[in-house]
Amino acid sequence: MSAALFLGSGLVILFGAAAGRACGEYVMNRCRTAELAAEMLGSMLLMLEYEQPTVDEMLSRIAVPKGYAPEFIRCAANGRQAVLDCLSDNRDDMYEPDRRRLETLFTELGSADKAAEQLRLSAALEYFRVRAKTLLPKAESTGKLCRSLGLIGGILLVVILL
């Protein structure tokens, strides 16, 4: 009976730690989404600098990063409408101002001359660079807090159940 109690306690603590880690990853992924949006917009701006591709052509050339990649970036190869669908569904659970900014950008892209498009992309790129820098310290501390609380919560649950 003692071995079963010890094993059960260990599993409860492990579950609490895993839940805390998952929460921490969720918070960090929201920050990574802003970083990856900035990378995507930087690539698009570079393409527009030297050529005059359509929005769908630019999106089809976006490389999907290995590891975590937001849904709207994975949808990019399917064109603007696929990106807009992903953003409107908010499949990445993005922060609302970020989602709206990207949705507005992709709705308006392709409706102006090259110089205006470059200005739009530059402004959005700067926004997401600043946003990622702002979110990173908070995401790191919140992620650490989630992991710690998950472990402590698991231990507390074992103490309560005993």
N, C-alpha and C. Protein backbone atom coordinates (compact mmCIF):
# COMPACT_ATOMS: atom_id res chain seq x y z
N MET A 1 0.82 -1.20 0.00
CA MET A 1 0.00 0.00 0.00
C MET A 1 0.87 1.26 0.00
N SER A 2 1.95 1.23 0.72
CA SER A 2 2.84 2.38 0.81
C SER A 2 3.47 2.71 -0.55
N ALA A 3 3.83 1.68 -1.32
CA ALA A 3 4.43 1.91 -2.64
C ALA A 3 3.40 2.55 -3.58
N ALA A 4 2.15 2.10 -3.49
CA ALA A 4 1.10 2.68 -4.33
C ALA A 4 0.85 4.14 -3.96
N LEU A 5 0.88 4.43 -2.68
CA LEU A 5 0.69 5.80 -2.21
C LEU A 5 1.84 6.70 -2.69
N PHE A 6 3.05 6.17 -2.60
CA PHE A 6 4.24 6.91 -3.04
C PHE A 6 4.18 7.14 -4.56
N LEU A 7 3.81 6.11 -5.31
CA LEU A 7 3.71 6.23 -6.76
C LEU A 7 2.61 7.22 -7.15
N GLY A 8 1.46 7.12 -6.49
CA GLY A 8 0.36 8.04 -6.77
C GLY A 8 0.73 9.48 -6.47
N SER A 9 1.42 9.68 -5.37
CA SER A 9 1.86 11.03 -4.99
C SER A 9 2.82 11.59 -6.03
N GLY A 10 3.74 10.73 -6.47
CA GLY A 10 4.70 11.16 -7.48
C GLY A 10 4.01 11.53 -8.78
N LEU A 11 3.00 10.76 -9.16
CA LEU A 11 2.26 11.06 -10.39
C LEU A 11 1.48 12.37 -10.29
N VAL A 12 0.90 12.63 -9.14
CA VAL A 12 0.17 13.89 -8.94
C VAL A 12 1.12 15.07 -9.04
N ILE A 13 2.28 14.95 -8.42
CA ILE A 13 3.28 16.03 -8.49
C ILE A 13 3.76 16.20 -9.93
N LEU A 14 4.00 15.09 -10.62
CA LEU A 14 4.43 15.15 -12.01
C LEU A 14 3.37 15.80 -12.89
N PHE A 15 2.10 15.46 -12.65
CA PHE A 15 1.02 16.07 -13.42
C PHE A 15 0.98 17.58 -13.18
N GLY A 16 1.13 18.01 -11.93
CA GLY A 16 1.15 19.44 -11.63
C GLY A 16 2.29 20.16 -12.33
N ALA A 17 3.47 19.52 -12.34
CA ALA A 17 4.62 20.12 -13.02
C ALA A 17 4.39 20.19 -14.53
N ALA A 18 3.78 19.14 -15.09
CA ALA A 18 3.50 19.14 -16.54
C ALA A 18 2.47 20.21 -16.90
N ALA A 19 1.46 20.38 -16.06
CA ALA A 19 0.46 21.41 -16.32
C ALA A 19 1.09 22.80 -16.25
N GLY A 20 1.98 23.00 -15.29
CA GLY A 20 2.67 24.28 -15.18
C GLY A 20 3.57 24.55 -16.38
N ARG A 21 4.24 23.50 -16.85
CA ARG A 21 5.11 23.65 -18.04
C ARG A 21 4.27 23.98 -19.28
N ALA A 22 3.12 23.33 -19.42
CA ALA A 22 2.25 23.61 -20.57
C ALA A 22 1.76 25.05 -20.54
N CYS A 23 1.41 25.53 -19.38
CA CYS A 23 0.97 26.92 -19.23
C CYS A 23 2.11 27.87 -19.60
N GLY A 24 3.33 27.56 -19.15
CA GLY A 24 4.49 28.38 -19.48
C GLY A 24 4.77 28.42 -20.96
N GLU A 25 4.64 27.26 -21.63
CA GLU A 25 4.84 27.20 -23.08
C GLU A 25 3.78 28.01 -23.82
N TYR A 26 2.56 27.97 -23.35
CA TYR A 26 1.47 28.73 -23.96
C TYR A 26 1.80 30.23 -23.93
N VAL A 27 2.27 30.70 -22.79
CA VAL A 27 2.61 32.13 -22.65
C VAL A 27 3.78 32.49 -23.56
N MET A 28 4.80 31.64 -23.61
CA MET A 28 5.96 31.92 -24.46
C MET A 28 5.59 31.87 -25.94
N ASN A 29 4.68 30.99 -26.32
CA ASN A 29 4.26 30.91 -27.72
C ASN A 29 3.55 32.17 -28.17
N ARG A 30 2.83 32.81 -27.28
CA ARG A 30 2.17 34.07 -27.65
C ARG A 30 3.23 35.14 -27.95
N CYS A 31 4.33 35.12 -27.22
CA CYS A 31 5.43 36.05 -27.48
C CYS A 31 6.13 35.67 -28.79
N ARG A 32 6.37 34.36 -28.99
CA ARG A 32 7.02 33.90 -30.22
C ARG A 32 6.19 34.26 -31.45
N THR A 33 4.88 34.29 -31.30
CA THR A 33 4.01 34.65 -32.43
C THR A 33 4.35 36.06 -32.91
N ALA A 34 4.55 36.98 -31.99
CA ALA A 34 4.92 38.36 -32.38
C ALA A 34 6.28 38.38 -33.05
N GLU A 35 7.24 37.60 -32.53
CA GLU A 35 8.57 37.54 -33.15
C GLU A 35 8.50 36.98 -34.56
N LEU A 36 7.74 35.90 -34.73
CA LEU A 36 7.64 35.27 -36.04
C LEU A 36 6.85 36.12 -37.03
N ALA A 37 5.88 36.88 -36.54
CA ALA A 37 5.16 37.81 -37.41
C ALA A 37 6.13 38.88 -37.92
N ALA A 38 7.01 39.36 -37.05
CA ALA A 38 8.01 40.36 -37.47
C ALA A 38 8.94 39.76 -38.52
N GLU A 39 9.36 38.52 -38.33
CA GLU A 39 10.24 37.88 -39.32
C GLU A 39 9.53 37.74 -40.67
N MET A 40 8.27 37.35 -40.62
CA MET A 40 7.49 37.18 -41.85
C MET A 40 7.35 38.51 -42.58
N LEU A 41 7.02 39.56 -41.85
CA LEU A 41 6.86 40.88 -42.47
C LEU A 41 8.18 41.40 -42.99
N GLY A 42 9.28 41.11 -42.30
CA GLY A 42 10.61 41.51 -42.78
C GLY A 42 10.94 40.82 -44.10
N SER A 43 10.59 39.55 -44.20
CA SER A 43 10.82 38.82 -45.46
C SER A 43 9.99 39.42 -46.59
N MET A 44 8.75 39.74 -46.28
CA MET A 44 7.87 40.32 -47.30
C MET A 44 8.39 41.68 -47.75
N LEU A 45 8.88 42.47 -46.81
CA LEU A 45 9.42 43.79 -47.13
C LEU A 45 10.65 43.65 -48.02
N LEU A 46 11.49 42.68 -47.72
CA LEU A 46 12.68 42.45 -48.53
C LEU A 46 12.30 42.02 -49.95
N MET A 47 11.30 41.16 -50.07
CA MET A 47 10.84 40.76 -51.40
C MET A 47 10.32 41.96 -52.18
N LEU A 48 9.59 42.81 -51.51
CA LEU A 48 8.99 43.98 -52.16
C LEU A 48 10.05 45.01 -52.53
N GLU A 49 11.15 45.00 -51.82
CA GLU A 49 12.23 45.95 -52.08
C GLU A 49 12.83 45.76 -53.47
N TYR A 50 13.02 44.51 -53.86
CA TYR A 50 13.75 44.23 -55.09
C TYR A 50 12.88 43.73 -56.24
N GLU A 51 11.62 43.43 -55.98
CA GLU A 51 10.74 42.98 -57.04
C GLU A 51 9.36 43.57 -56.79
N GLN A 52 8.43 43.20 -57.58
CA GLN A 52 7.09 43.69 -57.39
C GLN A 52 6.10 42.50 -57.42
N PRO A 53 6.25 41.59 -56.43
CA PRO A 53 5.36 40.42 -56.42
C PRO A 53 3.98 40.78 -55.88
N THR A 54 3.03 39.94 -56.18
CA THR A 54 1.71 40.12 -55.59
C THR A 54 1.76 39.62 -54.15
N VAL A 55 0.73 39.92 -53.40
CA VAL A 55 0.68 39.49 -52.00
C VAL A 55 0.72 37.96 -51.92
N ASP A 56 -0.03 37.29 -52.76
CA ASP A 56 -0.04 35.83 -52.74
C ASP A 56 1.33 35.25 -53.11
N GLU A 57 2.04 35.89 -54.03
CA GLU A 57 3.40 35.42 -54.37
C GLU A 57 4.34 35.57 -53.19
N MET A 58 4.24 36.70 -52.50
CA MET A 58 5.09 36.90 -51.32
C MET A 58 4.78 35.86 -50.25
N LEU A 59 3.50 35.64 -50.01
CA LEU A 59 3.11 34.69 -48.98
C LEU A 59 3.54 33.27 -49.32
N SER A 60 3.50 32.93 -50.60
CA SER A 60 3.90 31.57 -50.99
C SER A 60 5.38 31.31 -50.76
N ARG A 61 6.17 32.37 -50.68
CA ARG A 61 7.62 32.23 -50.48
C ARG A 61 8.03 32.26 -49.00
N ILE A 62 7.09 32.48 -48.12
CA ILE A 62 7.41 32.55 -46.69
C ILE A 62 7.81 31.17 -46.19
N ALA A 63 8.98 31.09 -45.59
CA ALA A 63 9.46 29.81 -45.04
C ALA A 63 8.84 29.59 -43.66
N VAL A 64 8.28 28.42 -43.47
CA VAL A 64 7.69 28.08 -42.17
C VAL A 64 8.83 27.62 -41.26
N PRO A 65 8.99 28.27 -40.10
CA PRO A 65 10.09 27.90 -39.20
C PRO A 65 9.88 26.51 -38.61
N LYS A 66 10.99 25.86 -38.28
CA LYS A 66 10.91 24.56 -37.61
C LYS A 66 10.48 24.79 -36.17
N GLY A 67 9.86 23.82 -35.58
CA GLY A 67 9.37 23.96 -34.22
C GLY A 67 8.05 24.70 -34.21
N TYR A 68 7.89 25.60 -33.27
CA TYR A 68 6.63 26.33 -33.15
C TYR A 68 6.47 27.30 -34.31
N ALA A 69 5.35 27.24 -34.96
CA ALA A 69 5.00 28.19 -36.01
C ALA A 69 3.51 28.50 -35.88
N PRO A 70 3.15 29.77 -35.81
CA PRO A 70 1.74 30.13 -35.73
C PRO A 70 0.97 29.62 -36.94
N GLU A 71 -0.28 29.36 -36.74
CA GLU A 71 -1.13 28.82 -37.80
C GLU A 71 -1.19 29.75 -39.01
N PHE A 72 -1.24 31.07 -38.78
CA PHE A 72 -1.36 31.98 -39.92
C PHE A 72 -0.11 31.95 -40.80
N ILE A 73 1.05 31.61 -40.24
CA ILE A 73 2.26 31.48 -41.05
C ILE A 73 2.23 30.16 -41.81
N ARG A 74 1.73 29.10 -41.17
CA ARG A 74 1.61 27.82 -41.87
C ARG A 74 0.59 27.90 -43.00
N CYS A 75 -0.39 28.79 -42.88
CA CYS A 75 -1.41 28.97 -43.92
C CYS A 75 -0.93 29.88 -45.05
N ALA A 76 0.18 30.56 -44.86
CA ALA A 76 0.63 31.58 -45.82
C ALA A 76 0.81 31.03 -47.23
N ALA A 77 1.28 29.81 -47.36
CA ALA A 77 1.50 29.23 -48.69
C ALA A 77 0.20 29.13 -49.49
N ASN A 78 -0.93 29.12 -48.79
CA ASN A 78 -2.23 29.02 -49.46
C ASN A 78 -2.81 30.37 -49.85
N GLY A 79 -2.08 31.45 -49.61
CA GLY A 79 -2.50 32.77 -50.05
C GLY A 79 -3.12 33.64 -48.97
N ARG A 80 -3.42 34.85 -49.38
CA ARG A 80 -3.94 35.87 -48.48
C ARG A 80 -5.23 35.44 -47.79
N GLN A 81 -6.16 34.86 -48.54
CA GLN A 81 -7.44 34.50 -47.95
C GLN A 81 -7.28 33.45 -46.86
N ALA A 82 -6.36 32.52 -47.05
CA ALA A 82 -6.10 31.50 -46.02
C ALA A 82 -5.55 32.15 -44.76
N VAL A 83 -4.66 33.13 -44.94
CA VAL A 83 -4.10 33.84 -43.78
C VAL A 83 -5.21 34.61 -43.06
N LEU A 84 -6.04 35.29 -43.83
CA LEU A 84 -7.15 36.04 -43.22
C LEU A 84 -8.12 35.11 -42.49
N ASP A 85 -8.38 33.94 -43.05
CA ASP A 85 -9.24 32.97 -42.37
C ASP A 85 -8.64 32.52 -41.04
N CYS A 86 -7.35 32.22 -41.06
CA CYS A 86 -6.66 31.82 -39.82
C CYS A 86 -6.71 32.94 -38.78
N LEU A 87 -6.49 34.16 -39.23
CA LEU A 87 -6.50 35.29 -38.30
C LEU A 87 -7.90 35.55 -37.76
N SER A 88 -8.91 35.45 -38.61
CA SER A 88 -10.27 35.73 -38.13
C SER A 88 -10.75 34.65 -37.16
N ASP A 89 -10.29 33.41 -37.36
CA ASP A 89 -10.62 32.33 -36.41
C ASP A 89 -9.79 32.42 -35.14
N ASN A 90 -8.70 33.21 -35.19
CA ASN A 90 -7.76 33.36 -34.08
C ASN A 90 -7.28 32.00 -33.59
N ARG A 91 -6.86 31.16 -34.53
CA ARG A 91 -6.41 29.81 -34.21
C ARG A 91 -5.16 29.79 -33.34
N ASP A 92 -4.39 30.87 -33.37
CA ASP A 92 -3.17 30.94 -32.58
C ASP A 92 -3.40 31.54 -31.21
N ASP A 93 -4.65 31.94 -30.93
CA ASP A 93 -4.97 32.59 -29.66
C ASP A 93 -4.05 33.79 -29.44
N MET A 94 -3.95 34.62 -30.47
CA MET A 94 -3.09 35.80 -30.41
C MET A 94 -3.72 36.87 -29.55
N TYR A 95 -2.89 37.80 -29.11
CA TYR A 95 -3.41 38.98 -28.44
C TYR A 95 -4.27 39.74 -29.46
N GLU A 96 -5.38 40.22 -29.03
CA GLU A 96 -6.36 40.84 -29.94
C GLU A 96 -5.79 42.01 -30.74
N PRO A 97 -5.04 42.95 -30.14
CA PRO A 97 -4.49 44.05 -30.97
C PRO A 97 -3.55 43.54 -32.07
N ASP A 98 -2.78 42.51 -31.77
CA ASP A 98 -1.87 41.95 -32.76
C ASP A 98 -2.64 41.29 -33.90
N ARG A 99 -3.67 40.54 -33.54
CA ARG A 99 -4.48 39.86 -34.55
C ARG A 99 -5.17 40.87 -35.45
N ARG A 100 -5.74 41.91 -34.85
CA ARG A 100 -6.43 42.93 -35.65
C ARG A 100 -5.46 43.66 -36.57
N ARG A 101 -4.27 43.95 -36.06
CA ARG A 101 -3.28 44.66 -36.89
C ARG A 101 -2.90 43.82 -38.10
N LEU A 102 -2.65 42.53 -37.90
CA LEU A 102 -2.30 41.65 -39.03
C LEU A 102 -3.47 41.50 -39.99
N GLU A 103 -4.67 41.37 -39.44
CA GLU A 103 -5.85 41.21 -40.29
C GLU A 103 -6.05 42.46 -41.16
N THR A 104 -5.90 43.64 -40.57
CA THR A 104 -6.03 44.88 -41.33
C THR A 104 -4.94 44.99 -42.39
N LEU A 105 -3.70 44.64 -42.01
CA LEU A 105 -2.59 44.71 -42.95
C LEU A 105 -2.83 43.80 -44.16
N PHE A 106 -3.21 42.55 -43.90
CA PHE A 106 -3.39 41.62 -45.02
C PHE A 106 -4.64 41.93 -45.84
N THR A 107 -5.60 42.61 -45.25
CA THR A 107 -6.76 43.05 -46.02
C THR A 107 -6.38 44.17 -46.97
N GLU A 108 -5.52 45.08 -46.52
CA GLU A 108 -5.17 46.26 -47.31
C GLU A 108 -4.00 46.04 -48.25
N LEU A 109 -3.13 45.06 -47.98
CA LEU A 109 -1.96 44.85 -48.84
C LEU A 109 -2.38 44.58 -50.28
N GLY A 110 -1.65 45.17 -51.20
CA GLY A 110 -1.93 44.96 -52.62
C GLY A 110 -2.87 45.99 -53.21
N SER A 111 -3.30 46.96 -52.40
CA SER A 111 -4.25 47.96 -52.90
C SER A 111 -3.60 49.30 -53.19
N ALA A 112 -2.27 49.39 -53.07
CA ALA A 112 -1.60 50.67 -53.27
C ALA A 112 -0.33 50.45 -54.10
N ASP A 113 0.39 51.53 -54.34
CA ASP A 113 1.63 51.41 -55.09
C ASP A 113 2.74 50.83 -54.21
N LYS A 114 3.87 50.56 -54.82
CA LYS A 114 4.97 49.89 -54.13
C LYS A 114 5.46 50.67 -52.92
N ALA A 115 5.59 51.98 -53.04
CA ALA A 115 6.08 52.80 -51.93
C ALA A 115 5.13 52.75 -50.74
N ALA A 116 3.83 52.81 -51.01
CA ALA A 116 2.84 52.75 -49.93
C ALA A 116 2.84 51.37 -49.28
N GLU A 117 3.00 50.32 -50.08
CA GLU A 117 3.06 48.97 -49.54
C GLU A 117 4.28 48.80 -48.64
N GLN A 118 5.41 49.38 -49.07
CA GLN A 118 6.62 49.30 -48.25
C GLN A 118 6.42 50.03 -46.93
N LEU A 119 5.75 51.18 -46.97
CA LEU A 119 5.47 51.91 -45.73
C LEU A 119 4.58 51.10 -44.79
N ARG A 120 3.55 50.47 -45.34
CA ARG A 120 2.65 49.64 -44.53
C ARG A 120 3.42 48.49 -43.87
N LEU A 121 4.21 47.80 -44.68
CA LEU A 121 4.97 46.68 -44.14
C LEU A 121 6.00 47.14 -43.12
N SER A 122 6.66 48.27 -43.38
CA SER A 122 7.65 48.80 -42.43
C SER A 122 7.01 49.16 -41.10
N ALA A 123 5.84 49.79 -41.15
CA ALA A 123 5.15 50.16 -39.92
C ALA A 123 4.72 48.92 -39.13
N ALA A 124 4.20 47.93 -39.82
CA ALA A 124 3.78 46.69 -39.15
C ALA A 124 4.99 45.95 -38.61
N LEU A 125 6.08 45.94 -39.37
CA LEU A 125 7.30 45.28 -38.91
C LEU A 125 7.81 45.92 -37.63
N GLU A 126 7.85 47.23 -37.61
CA GLU A 126 8.32 47.94 -36.41
C GLU A 126 7.41 47.65 -35.22
N TYR A 127 6.10 47.65 -35.46
CA TYR A 127 5.15 47.35 -34.39
C TYR A 127 5.44 45.98 -33.78
N PHE A 128 5.62 44.95 -34.62
CA PHE A 128 5.82 43.59 -34.10
C PHE A 128 7.20 43.41 -33.48
N ARG A 129 8.19 44.14 -33.96
CA ARG A 129 9.52 44.08 -33.29
C ARG A 129 9.42 44.65 -31.88
N VAL A 130 8.80 45.80 -31.76
CA VAL A 130 8.63 46.42 -30.44
C VAL A 130 7.75 45.55 -29.55
N ARG A 131 6.71 45.02 -30.13
CA ARG A 131 5.77 44.16 -29.37
C ARG A 131 6.48 42.93 -28.82
N ALA A 132 7.31 42.29 -29.64
CA ALA A 132 8.05 41.11 -29.19
C ALA A 132 9.02 41.46 -28.06
N LYS A 133 9.71 42.60 -28.21
CA LYS A 133 10.63 43.05 -27.15
C LYS A 133 9.89 43.33 -25.86
N THR A 134 8.70 43.90 -25.97
CA THR A 134 7.90 44.24 -24.79
C THR A 134 7.35 42.98 -24.13
N LEU A 135 6.92 42.02 -24.91
CA LEU A 135 6.30 40.81 -24.37
C LEU A 135 7.30 39.83 -23.77
N LEU A 136 8.53 39.80 -24.27
CA LEU A 136 9.49 38.78 -23.86
C LEU A 136 9.76 38.75 -22.36
N PRO A 137 10.11 39.86 -21.70
CA PRO A 137 10.38 39.77 -20.26
C PRO A 137 9.16 39.31 -19.45
N LYS A 138 8.00 39.80 -19.83
CA LYS A 138 6.77 39.40 -19.13
C LYS A 138 6.48 37.92 -19.37
N ALA A 139 6.67 37.45 -20.60
CA ALA A 139 6.42 36.05 -20.92
C ALA A 139 7.38 35.13 -20.18
N GLU A 140 8.65 35.54 -20.08
CA GLU A 140 9.62 34.72 -19.35
C GLU A 140 9.27 34.62 -17.88
N SER A 141 8.92 35.74 -17.26
CA SER A 141 8.58 35.70 -15.83
C SER A 141 7.26 34.97 -15.59
N THR A 142 6.29 35.17 -16.46
CA THR A 142 5.01 34.47 -16.32
C THR A 142 5.18 32.97 -16.54
N GLY A 143 6.01 32.60 -17.52
CA GLY A 143 6.28 31.19 -17.77
C GLY A 143 6.94 30.52 -16.58
N LYS A 144 7.90 31.20 -15.98
CA LYS A 144 8.57 30.67 -14.79
C LYS A 144 7.58 30.53 -13.63
N LEU A 145 6.72 31.53 -13.48
CA LEU A 145 5.70 31.47 -12.43
C LEU A 145 4.75 30.31 -12.66
N CYS A 146 4.32 30.09 -13.89
CA CYS A 146 3.42 28.97 -14.21
C CYS A 146 4.06 27.64 -13.86
N ARG A 147 5.34 27.46 -14.24
CA ARG A 147 6.02 26.20 -13.93
C ARG A 147 6.14 25.98 -12.43
N SER A 148 6.49 27.05 -11.72
CA SER A 148 6.63 26.95 -10.26
C SER A 148 5.29 26.64 -9.60
N LEU A 149 4.25 27.34 -10.02
CA LEU A 149 2.93 27.11 -9.43
C LEU A 149 2.40 25.72 -9.74
N GLY A 150 2.71 25.21 -10.92
CA GLY A 150 2.30 23.85 -11.26
C GLY A 150 2.93 22.82 -10.34
N LEU A 151 4.23 22.96 -10.10
CA LEU A 151 4.93 22.05 -9.21
C LEU A 151 4.43 22.19 -7.78
N ILE A 152 4.32 23.42 -7.32
CA ILE A 152 3.83 23.66 -5.96
C ILE A 152 2.39 23.18 -5.81
N GLY A 153 1.57 23.39 -6.84
CA GLY A 153 0.18 22.93 -6.80
C GLY A 153 0.11 21.41 -6.69
N GLY A 154 0.96 20.71 -7.44
CA GLY A 154 1.01 19.25 -7.35
C GLY A 154 1.40 18.78 -5.96
N ILE A 155 2.41 19.43 -5.38
CA ILE A 155 2.84 19.07 -4.03
C ILE A 155 1.74 19.37 -3.03
N LEU A 156 1.10 20.52 -3.16
CA LEU A 156 0.02 20.89 -2.25
C LEU A 156 -1.15 19.90 -2.35
N LEU A 157 -1.47 19.47 -3.54
CA LEU A 157 -2.55 18.50 -3.72
C LEU A 157 -2.22 17.17 -3.03
N VAL A 158 -0.97 16.75 -3.12
CA VAL A 158 -0.56 15.52 -2.43
C VAL A 158 -0.69 15.69 -0.92
N VAL A 159 -0.27 16.85 -0.40
CA VAL A 159 -0.35 17.09 1.05
C VAL A 159 -1.81 17.10 1.50
N ILE A 160 -2.67 17.72 0.71
CA ILE A 160 -4.09 17.78 1.07
C ILE A 160 -4.72 16.37 1.05
N LEU A 161 -4.37 15.59 0.04
CA LEU A 161 -4.96 14.26 -0.08
C LEU A 161 -4.43 13.29 0.98
N LEU A 162 -3.23 13.52 1.48
CA LEU A 162 -2.70 12.65 2.53
C LEU A 162 -3.29 13.06 3.85
